[in-house]
Amino acid sequence: MANVEIYTKATCPYCHRAKALLAQKGVAFQEIPVDGDANKREEMIKRSGRTTVPQIFIDAQHIGGCDDLYALDSREGLDPLLK
């Protein structure tokens, strides 16, 4: 099973959508909340080069945000990464 990490904020609707897609696929993921945690936010920015949430990594490969995750899924690129 792939190692899925997702940086999130509690109030972020895109985070909820991304987590819903992963849950629908039956994938366990590690949620890394960055709300009020400057260190975790810095870590996310260093890893992704982006300042927005969610940022999603599958087996340490940066996938991007919610729209990137859904786009990957729509072109059938997500399932092979999750295996």
Protein backbone atom coordinates (compact mmCIF):
# COMPACT_ATOMS: atom_id res chain seq x y z
CA MET A 1 0.00 0.00 0.00
CA ALA A 2 1.29 3.45 -0.88
CA ASN A 3 2.38 5.90 1.78
CA VAL A 4 0.06 8.89 1.37
CA GLU A 5 0.67 12.15 3.22
CA ILE A 6 -1.61 15.17 3.04
CA TYR A 7 -0.93 18.58 4.57
CA THR A 8 -4.23 20.15 5.61
CA LYS A 9 -6.04 22.90 7.47
CA ALA A 10 -9.26 22.18 9.36
CA THR A 11 -11.20 24.96 7.59
CA CYS A 12 -10.06 24.11 4.05
CA PRO A 13 -12.84 22.76 1.78
CA TYR A 14 -10.27 21.49 -0.75
CA CYS A 15 -8.61 19.46 2.00
CA HIS A 16 -11.96 17.83 2.77
CA ARG A 17 -12.53 17.04 -0.93
CA ALA A 18 -9.07 15.53 -1.32
CA LYS A 19 -9.49 13.41 1.82
CA ALA A 20 -12.93 12.30 0.61
CA LEU A 21 -11.46 11.05 -2.69
CA LEU A 22 -8.71 9.15 -0.89
CA ALA A 23 -11.22 7.68 1.58
CA GLN A 24 -13.49 6.67 -1.30
CA LYS A 25 -10.53 4.75 -2.75
CA GLY A 26 -10.06 3.02 0.60
CA VAL A 27 -6.60 4.53 1.08
CA ALA A 28 -5.15 5.14 4.51
CA PHE A 29 -3.35 8.47 4.65
CA GLN A 30 -1.33 10.44 7.15
CA GLU A 31 -2.92 13.81 7.70
CA ILE A 32 -0.45 16.55 8.68
CA PRO A 33 -2.38 19.58 10.01
CA VAL A 34 -0.55 22.88 9.51
CA ASP A 35 -3.07 25.09 11.36
CA GLY A 36 -1.06 27.26 13.74
CA ASP A 37 2.03 25.06 13.27
CA ALA A 38 4.71 27.17 11.61
CA ASN A 39 7.21 24.29 11.55
CA LYS A 40 4.86 21.91 9.73
CA ARG A 41 3.90 24.69 7.31
CA GLU A 42 7.59 25.38 6.59
CA GLU A 43 8.18 21.67 6.06
CA MET A 44 5.27 21.55 3.59
CA ILE A 45 6.56 24.59 1.66
CA LYS A 46 10.10 23.13 1.50
CA ARG A 47 8.78 19.81 0.22
CA SER A 48 6.19 21.13 -2.25
CA GLY A 49 7.37 24.61 -3.19
CA ARG A 50 3.78 25.74 -2.57
CA THR A 51 2.12 27.68 0.23
CA THR A 52 -1.47 26.45 -0.22
CA VAL A 53 -3.20 23.43 1.27
CA PRO A 54 -3.77 20.65 0.68
CA GLN A 55 -0.40 19.38 -0.51
CA ILE A 56 -0.45 15.69 -1.27
CA PHE A 57 2.45 13.28 -1.45
CA ILE A 58 2.28 9.62 -2.52
CA ASP A 59 5.40 7.62 -1.66
CA ALA A 60 7.23 10.95 -1.16
CA GLN A 61 6.32 12.06 -4.72
CA HIS A 62 4.61 15.46 -4.76
CA ILE A 63 1.18 15.17 -6.40
CA GLY A 64 0.02 18.73 -5.73
CA GLY A 65 -3.26 20.03 -4.40
CA CYS A 66 -6.88 18.91 -4.56
CA ASP A 67 -7.41 19.82 -8.24
CA ASP A 68 -4.18 18.01 -9.15
CA LEU A 69 -5.35 14.90 -7.29
CA TYR A 70 -8.74 14.89 -9.08
CA ALA A 71 -7.07 15.55 -12.46
CA LEU A 72 -4.69 12.64 -11.87
CA ASP A 73 -7.64 10.43 -10.99
CA SER A 74 -9.65 11.50 -14.06
CA ARG A 75 -6.81 10.44 -16.35
CA GLU A 76 -6.54 7.15 -14.42
CA GLY A 77 -3.11 7.97 -13.03
CA LEU A 78 -4.04 7.85 -9.36
CA ASP A 79 -4.94 4.18 -8.83
CA PRO A 80 -1.57 2.81 -10.05
CA LEU A 81 0.24 5.14 -7.60
CA LEU A 82 -1.94 3.93 -4.72
CA LYS A 83 -1.25 0.23 -5.27
